[in-house]
N, C-alpha and C. Protein backbone atom coordinates (compact mmCIF):
# COMPACT_ATOMS: atom_id res chain seq x y z
N UNK A 1 12.84 -1.64 -11.91
CA UNK A 1 12.07 -1.21 -10.88
C UNK A 1 10.32 -1.53 -11.88
N UNK A 2 9.58 -2.27 -11.55
CA UNK A 2 7.91 -2.35 -12.01
C UNK A 2 7.72 -1.36 -10.84
N UNK A 3 6.36 -0.97 -11.58
CA UNK A 3 5.57 -0.03 -10.61
C UNK A 3 4.13 -0.49 -11.39
N UNK A 4 3.17 0.11 -10.24
CA UNK A 4 1.76 -0.30 -10.91
C UNK A 4 1.12 1.63 -10.27
N UNK A 5 0.03 1.85 -11.17
CA UNK A 5 -0.47 2.86 -10.40
C UNK A 5 -2.14 3.07 -10.48
N UNK A 6 -2.55 2.92 -9.46
CA UNK A 6 -3.60 3.48 -9.16
C UNK A 6 -4.58 5.08 -8.54
N UNK A 7 -5.86 5.29 -9.25
CA UNK A 7 -6.36 6.62 -9.14
C UNK A 7 -7.36 6.55 -8.34
N UNK A 8 -7.96 7.69 -7.06
CA UNK A 8 -8.88 7.84 -6.77
C UNK A 8 -8.97 9.14 -6.51
N UNK A 9 -9.89 10.27 -6.03
CA UNK A 9 -10.07 11.13 -6.00
C UNK A 9 -10.45 11.64 -4.47
N UNK A 10 -10.54 12.48 -3.90
CA UNK A 10 -10.18 13.22 -2.16
C UNK A 10 -11.22 14.63 -2.57
N UNK A 11 -11.81 14.94 -1.97
CA UNK A 11 -13.01 16.41 -1.88
C UNK A 11 -12.80 16.61 0.12
N UNK A 12 -12.04 17.98 0.59
CA UNK A 12 -11.89 18.05 1.83
C UNK A 12 -12.02 18.95 2.02
N UNK A 13 -12.29 19.64 3.61
CA UNK A 13 -12.39 21.16 3.75
C UNK A 13 -11.04 20.99 4.72
N UNK A 14 -10.62 22.14 5.04
CA UNK A 14 -9.54 22.45 6.10
C UNK A 14 -9.15 23.65 5.86
N UNK A 15 -8.26 24.60 7.07
CA UNK A 15 -7.57 25.78 7.13
C UNK A 15 -6.67 25.53 7.58
N UNK A 16 -5.39 26.13 6.93
CA UNK A 16 -4.10 26.18 8.18
C UNK A 16 -3.75 27.26 8.94
N UNK A 17 -2.59 27.30 9.98
CA UNK A 17 -2.20 28.03 10.63
C UNK A 17 -0.73 28.36 10.03
N UNK A 18 -0.66 29.86 10.06
CA UNK A 18 0.46 30.64 10.29
C UNK A 18 0.44 31.14 8.97
N UNK A 19 1.44 32.05 9.05
CA UNK A 19 0.95 33.52 7.51
C UNK A 19 1.59 32.50 6.50
N UNK A 20 2.66 31.52 6.60
CA UNK A 20 2.93 31.77 5.46
C UNK A 20 1.71 31.12 4.12
N UNK A 21 0.97 30.38 4.52
CA UNK A 21 -0.22 29.98 3.89
C UNK A 21 -1.70 31.21 3.70
N UNK A 22 -1.20 32.36 3.81
CA UNK A 22 -1.79 33.60 3.34
C UNK A 22 -3.05 33.52 3.59
N UNK A 23 -4.09 33.49 2.49
CA UNK A 23 -6.03 33.30 2.39
C UNK A 23 -5.93 31.78 2.55
N UNK A 24 -5.32 31.00 2.68
CA UNK A 24 -5.39 29.24 3.01
C UNK A 24 -5.55 28.64 4.54
N UNK A 25 -5.43 29.58 5.26
CA UNK A 25 -5.30 30.16 7.03
C UNK A 25 -7.27 30.03 6.81
N UNK A 26 -8.25 30.63 5.96
CA UNK A 26 -9.27 30.57 6.18
C UNK A 26 -9.71 28.76 5.78
N UNK A 27 -11.04 28.82 6.18
CA UNK A 27 -11.31 27.31 5.62
C UNK A 27 -11.46 27.24 4.32
N UNK A 28 -11.59 26.72 3.83
CA UNK A 28 -11.33 26.16 2.27
C UNK A 28 -11.64 24.80 1.93
N UNK A 29 -11.84 24.45 0.76
CA UNK A 29 -12.08 23.10 0.27
C UNK A 29 -10.80 22.71 -0.94
N UNK A 30 -10.55 21.28 -0.90
CA UNK A 30 -9.53 21.27 -1.78
C UNK A 30 -9.75 19.93 -2.16
N UNK A 31 -9.62 19.93 -4.01
CA UNK A 31 -10.27 18.31 -4.24
C UNK A 31 -8.75 18.22 -4.78
N UNK A 32 -8.75 16.59 -4.46
CA UNK A 32 -7.27 16.13 -4.92
C UNK A 32 -7.39 14.79 -5.60
N UNK A 33 -6.89 14.56 -6.88
CA UNK A 33 -6.50 13.48 -7.28
C UNK A 33 -5.52 12.49 -6.61
N UNK A 34 -5.44 11.37 -6.48
CA UNK A 34 -4.45 10.63 -5.67
C UNK A 34 -4.19 9.60 -6.15
N UNK A 35 -2.53 9.87 -6.65
CA UNK A 35 -2.23 8.57 -7.13
C UNK A 35 -0.97 7.66 -6.03
N UNK A 36 -1.80 6.54 -6.44
CA UNK A 36 -0.77 5.36 -5.67
C UNK A 36 0.01 4.41 -6.27
N UNK A 37 1.56 4.56 -6.09
CA UNK A 37 2.27 3.64 -6.95
C UNK A 37 2.79 2.80 -6.38
N UNK A 38 2.66 1.94 -6.46
CA UNK A 38 2.94 0.01 -5.81
C UNK A 38 4.55 -0.17 -7.02
N UNK A 39 5.88 -0.22 -6.25
CA UNK A 39 7.18 -0.69 -6.76
C UNK A 39 7.11 -1.94 -6.47
N UNK A 40 8.05 -2.57 -7.32
CA UNK A 40 8.76 -3.74 -6.86
C UNK A 40 10.09 -4.26 -8.00
N UNK A 41 11.02 -5.12 -7.18
CA UNK A 41 12.05 -4.99 -8.54
C UNK A 41 12.07 -6.22 -9.14
N UNK A 42 11.13 -7.21 -8.79
CA UNK A 42 10.67 -8.63 -9.73
C UNK A 42 9.39 -8.86 -9.60
N UNK A 43 8.60 -9.00 -10.80
CA UNK A 43 7.35 -9.39 -10.93
C UNK A 43 6.95 -10.33 -9.65
N UNK A 44 5.36 -10.68 -9.53
CA UNK A 44 5.65 -11.85 -8.55
C UNK A 44 5.16 -13.32 -9.18
N UNK A 45 5.35 -14.17 -8.61
CA UNK A 45 4.52 -15.52 -9.33
C UNK A 45 3.84 -15.22 -10.33
N UNK A 46 2.54 -14.57 -10.34
CA UNK A 46 1.28 -14.17 -11.28
C UNK A 46 2.22 -13.01 -12.64
N UNK A 47 3.24 -12.81 -12.38
CA UNK A 47 3.63 -12.21 -13.13
C UNK A 47 3.40 -10.70 -13.01
N UNK A 48 2.80 -9.97 -12.03
CA UNK A 48 2.15 -8.49 -11.47
C UNK A 48 3.19 -8.19 -10.69
N UNK A 49 2.51 -7.08 -10.68
CA UNK A 49 3.35 -5.89 -9.23
C UNK A 49 2.23 -6.11 -8.27
N UNK A 50 1.25 -5.93 -8.25
CA UNK A 50 0.11 -6.04 -7.17
C UNK A 50 -0.87 -5.72 -8.07
N UNK A 51 -1.93 -6.90 -8.02
CA UNK A 51 -3.82 -7.43 -7.81
C UNK A 51 -4.09 -5.11 -7.59
N UNK A 52 -4.01 -5.14 -9.13
CA UNK A 52 -4.78 -4.20 -9.46
C UNK A 52 -6.27 -3.51 -8.75
N UNK A 53 -6.94 -4.76 -9.09
CA UNK A 53 -8.48 -4.99 -8.58
C UNK A 53 -8.49 -4.39 -6.86
N UNK A 54 -7.49 -4.82 -5.78
CA UNK A 54 -7.30 -4.96 -4.71
C UNK A 54 -7.14 -3.52 -4.15
N UNK A 55 -5.52 -3.29 -4.98
CA UNK A 55 -4.81 -1.86 -4.87
C UNK A 55 -5.94 -0.96 -5.25
N UNK A 56 -6.90 -0.92 -6.29
CA UNK A 56 -7.59 0.34 -6.13
C UNK A 56 -8.92 0.32 -5.07
N UNK A 57 -9.32 -0.83 -4.96
CA UNK A 57 -10.33 -1.28 -3.59
C UNK A 57 -9.65 -0.81 -2.55
N UNK A 58 -8.60 -0.87 -1.53
CA UNK A 58 -7.54 -0.37 -0.87
C UNK A 58 -7.60 1.15 -0.75
N UNK A 59 -7.07 1.52 -1.89
CA UNK A 59 -6.78 3.22 -1.80
C UNK A 59 -8.35 3.58 -2.06
N UNK A 60 -9.03 3.35 -2.50
CA UNK A 60 -10.68 3.95 -2.32
C UNK A 60 -11.26 4.06 -0.56
N UNK A 61 -10.32 2.77 -0.16
CA UNK A 61 -10.91 2.65 1.40
C UNK A 61 -10.24 3.62 2.11
N UNK A 62 -9.11 3.67 1.87
CA UNK A 62 -8.27 4.67 2.90
C UNK A 62 -8.59 6.18 2.43
N UNK A 63 -9.13 6.37 1.20
CA UNK A 63 -9.54 7.83 0.87
C UNK A 63 -10.97 8.65 1.13
N UNK A 64 -11.56 7.08 1.39
CA UNK A 64 -13.42 7.12 2.10
C UNK A 64 -12.95 7.77 3.52
N UNK A 65 -12.08 7.61 3.93
CA UNK A 65 -11.94 7.86 5.63
C UNK A 65 -12.10 9.53 5.68
N UNK A 66 -11.77 9.88 4.54
CA UNK A 66 -11.70 11.77 4.84
C UNK A 66 -12.07 12.43 3.95
N UNK A 67 -12.85 11.89 3.02
CA UNK A 67 -13.44 12.49 1.61
C UNK A 67 -15.17 12.78 2.52
N UNK A 68 -15.10 14.36 1.77
CA UNK A 68 -16.50 14.98 2.33
C UNK A 68 -16.07 15.26 3.80
N UNK A 69 -14.78 14.97 4.57
CA UNK A 69 -14.91 15.86 5.89
C UNK A 69 -14.27 16.94 5.77
N UNK A 70 -14.50 17.99 6.92
CA UNK A 70 -13.76 18.84 7.38
C UNK A 70 -12.63 18.82 8.70
N UNK A 71 -11.39 18.68 7.99
CA UNK A 71 -10.09 17.72 8.43
C UNK A 71 -9.95 18.34 9.78
N UNK A 72 -10.90 19.88 10.05
CA UNK A 72 -10.17 20.64 11.34
C UNK A 72 -11.13 20.04 11.99
N UNK A 73 -12.14 19.48 12.05
CA UNK A 73 -13.02 18.62 12.66
C UNK A 73 -12.41 17.18 13.49
N UNK A 74 -11.40 16.70 12.78
CA UNK A 74 -11.46 15.47 12.96
C UNK A 74 -10.21 14.87 14.11
N UNK A 75 -10.72 14.29 15.49
CA UNK A 75 -9.75 14.69 16.46
C UNK A 75 -8.03 14.34 15.83
N UNK A 76 -7.80 13.07 14.86
CA UNK A 76 -6.46 12.69 14.63
C UNK A 76 -5.93 13.98 14.24
N UNK A 77 -6.37 14.96 13.88
CA UNK A 77 -5.64 16.00 12.86
C UNK A 77 -5.52 17.19 13.59
N UNK A 78 -5.82 17.21 15.14
CA UNK A 78 -6.23 18.24 15.85
C UNK A 78 -4.89 19.12 16.14
N UNK A 79 -4.81 20.42 15.57
CA UNK A 79 -3.38 21.11 15.89
C UNK A 79 -2.55 20.81 14.63
N UNK A 80 -2.74 20.08 13.33
CA UNK A 80 -2.07 19.98 12.40
C UNK A 80 -2.66 20.95 11.20
N UNK A 81 -1.61 21.42 10.41
CA UNK A 81 -1.86 21.63 9.36
C UNK A 81 -1.53 20.30 8.13
N UNK A 82 -2.55 20.11 7.61
CA UNK A 82 -2.96 18.84 6.32
C UNK A 82 -2.54 19.60 5.51
N UNK A 83 -1.40 19.71 5.48
CA UNK A 83 -0.67 20.18 3.72
C UNK A 83 -1.21 18.76 2.75
N UNK A 84 -1.03 19.16 1.44
CA UNK A 84 -1.04 17.89 0.91
C UNK A 84 0.07 17.65 1.29
N UNK A 85 1.54 17.76 1.44
CA UNK A 85 2.39 16.72 2.05
C UNK A 85 2.18 15.53 2.63
N UNK A 86 1.41 16.55 3.97
CA UNK A 86 1.11 15.36 4.96
C UNK A 86 0.01 14.91 4.78
N UNK A 87 -0.47 15.24 3.98
CA UNK A 87 -1.46 14.08 3.48
C UNK A 87 -1.30 12.71 2.64
N UNK A 88 -0.43 13.24 2.09
CA UNK A 88 0.20 12.24 0.71
C UNK A 88 0.61 11.14 1.85
N UNK A 89 1.39 11.67 2.90
CA UNK A 89 1.66 10.70 3.75
C UNK A 89 1.11 10.19 4.76
N UNK A 90 0.50 10.53 4.99
CA UNK A 90 -1.19 9.77 5.72
C UNK A 90 -1.88 8.78 4.43
N UNK A 91 -1.59 8.85 3.54
CA UNK A 91 -2.58 7.99 2.92
C UNK A 91 -1.24 6.90 2.42
N UNK A 92 -0.13 6.79 1.92
CA UNK A 92 0.91 6.13 2.43
C UNK A 92 1.02 5.27 3.03
N UNK A 93 1.18 5.52 4.44
CA UNK A 93 0.92 4.87 5.66
C UNK A 93 -0.07 3.76 6.09
N UNK A 94 -1.29 4.77 5.46
CA UNK A 94 -2.24 3.84 5.61
C UNK A 94 -2.23 2.35 4.34
N UNK A 95 -1.61 3.11 3.62
CA UNK A 95 -1.66 1.87 2.16
C UNK A 95 -0.61 0.73 3.09
N UNK A 96 0.39 1.22 3.15
CA UNK A 96 1.33 0.12 3.95
C UNK A 96 1.15 -0.86 4.88
N UNK A 97 -0.14 -0.03 5.98
CA UNK A 97 -0.58 -1.17 7.02
C UNK A 97 -1.33 -1.62 6.29
N UNK A 98 -2.10 -1.44 5.13
CA UNK A 98 -3.01 -2.26 4.70
C UNK A 98 -2.37 -4.18 3.95
N UNK A 99 -1.28 -3.03 3.46
CA UNK A 99 -0.22 -4.25 2.27
C UNK A 99 0.52 -5.03 3.33
N UNK A 100 0.41 -4.65 4.83
CA UNK A 100 1.44 -5.56 5.76
C UNK A 100 0.18 -6.62 6.44
N UNK A 101 -0.68 -5.99 6.06
CA UNK A 101 -2.03 -6.90 6.67
C UNK A 101 -2.40 -7.69 5.75
N UNK A 102 -2.30 -8.07 4.72
CA UNK A 102 -2.55 -8.80 3.89
C UNK A 102 -4.06 -8.49 2.75
N UNK A 103 -4.46 -7.18 3.03
CA UNK A 103 -5.09 -6.62 2.26
C UNK A 103 -5.45 -6.63 0.77
N UNK A 104 -3.84 -6.29 0.32
CA UNK A 104 -3.85 -6.45 -1.01
C UNK A 104 -3.48 -7.67 -1.22
N UNK A 105 -3.64 -8.68 -0.72
CA UNK A 105 -2.90 -10.39 -1.22
C UNK A 105 -1.65 -10.34 -0.78
N UNK A 106 -1.71 -11.61 -0.79
CA UNK A 106 0.07 -12.22 -0.56
C UNK A 106 1.23 -12.05 -1.50
N UNK A 107 0.49 -11.58 -2.78
CA UNK A 107 1.99 -11.25 -3.48
C UNK A 107 2.51 -9.79 -3.32
N UNK A 108 1.46 -9.19 -2.66
CA UNK A 108 2.00 -7.74 -2.64
C UNK A 108 2.90 -7.74 -1.32
N UNK A 109 3.09 -8.82 -0.40
CA UNK A 109 3.34 -8.51 0.62
C UNK A 109 5.72 -8.64 0.28
N UNK A 110 5.92 -8.91 -1.36
CA UNK A 110 7.09 -8.60 -2.24
C UNK A 110 7.13 -7.39 -2.64
N UNK A 111 6.06 -6.09 -2.39
CA UNK A 111 6.31 -4.93 -2.93
C UNK A 111 7.71 -4.32 -2.47
N UNK A 112 8.43 -3.33 -2.87
CA UNK A 112 9.66 -2.97 -2.25
C UNK A 112 9.36 -1.91 -1.38
N UNK A 113 8.24 -0.87 -2.63
CA UNK A 113 7.45 0.17 -1.72
C UNK A 113 6.51 1.04 -2.72
N UNK A 114 5.94 2.33 -1.69
CA UNK A 114 4.82 2.96 -2.31
C UNK A 114 5.04 4.47 -2.47
N UNK A 115 4.66 4.93 -3.33
CA UNK A 115 4.57 6.72 -3.25
C UNK A 115 2.58 7.15 -3.72
N UNK A 116 3.17 8.42 -2.92
CA UNK A 116 1.68 8.40 -3.16
C UNK A 116 1.65 9.86 -3.34
N UNK A 117 1.21 10.45 -4.26
CA UNK A 117 1.07 11.95 -5.13
C UNK A 117 -0.16 12.48 -4.78
N UNK A 118 -0.56 13.19 -4.44
CA UNK A 118 -1.74 14.19 -4.62
C UNK A 118 -2.07 15.46 -5.48
N UNK A 119 -2.47 15.77 -6.33
CA UNK A 119 -2.54 16.64 -7.52
C UNK A 119 -3.48 17.56 -6.60
N UNK A 120 -2.94 18.90 -6.35
CA UNK A 120 -3.81 19.91 -6.08
C UNK A 120 -4.38 20.48 -7.28
N UNK A 121 -3.66 20.20 -8.15
CA UNK A 121 -4.71 21.08 -9.58
C UNK A 121 -3.75 20.34 -10.77
N UNK A 122 -3.92 21.23 -11.88
CA UNK A 122 -3.15 20.59 -13.45
C UNK A 122 -1.36 21.35 -13.10
N UNK A 123 -1.31 22.35 -12.21
CA UNK A 123 -0.36 22.66 -12.22
C UNK A 123 0.42 22.67 -10.59
N UNK A 124 0.38 21.47 -9.80
CA UNK A 124 0.74 21.78 -8.14
C UNK A 124 0.42 20.77 -8.03
N UNK A 125 1.37 19.48 -7.29
CA UNK A 125 1.08 18.29 -6.60
C UNK A 125 2.10 17.94 -5.58
N UNK A 126 2.10 17.37 -4.96
CA UNK A 126 2.91 16.72 -3.67
C UNK A 126 3.02 15.27 -3.60
N UNK A 127 4.53 14.64 -3.08
CA UNK A 127 4.08 12.89 -3.44
C UNK A 127 5.15 12.94 -1.59
N UNK A 128 4.42 11.73 -1.13
CA UNK A 128 5.57 10.86 -0.61
C UNK A 128 5.69 9.28 -0.65
N UNK A 129 6.99 9.51 -0.47
CA UNK A 129 7.44 7.50 -1.02
C UNK A 129 7.89 7.22 0.25
N UNK A 130 7.90 5.93 0.27
CA UNK A 130 7.97 5.04 0.99
C UNK A 130 8.22 3.71 0.99
N UNK A 131 9.42 3.06 1.71
CA UNK A 131 9.62 1.60 1.59
C UNK A 131 8.45 0.52 2.63
N UNK A 132 8.49 -0.67 2.18
CA UNK A 132 7.40 -1.12 2.38
C UNK A 132 8.55 -2.67 3.08
């Protein structure tokens, strides 16, 4: 399986509900490194996995929807614990939508899957992997 990974960063604020989150129940900030890995079994006609420039552009656009926002104030996340795991899925699903609409180029239609990893710190991260 071939893969290409592109990176962006994301700064948000949010809070959590539930004792399991301890002090993170209070409003706090999070800065993530966001890695999006695109996979395919065979290279496309241009011998690439995906156009890296388009992958970077589309990841940046997806991340920009949340950058510098308090996710507690976003209607789409009302009542949701916006955990790192949950946000990785949101980013992956939005990238998948962009693949399906052709925003990453026609060659990207041959992608097999996407994995999005949000790095909370140098010692903790979470990923979500999905097929296309």
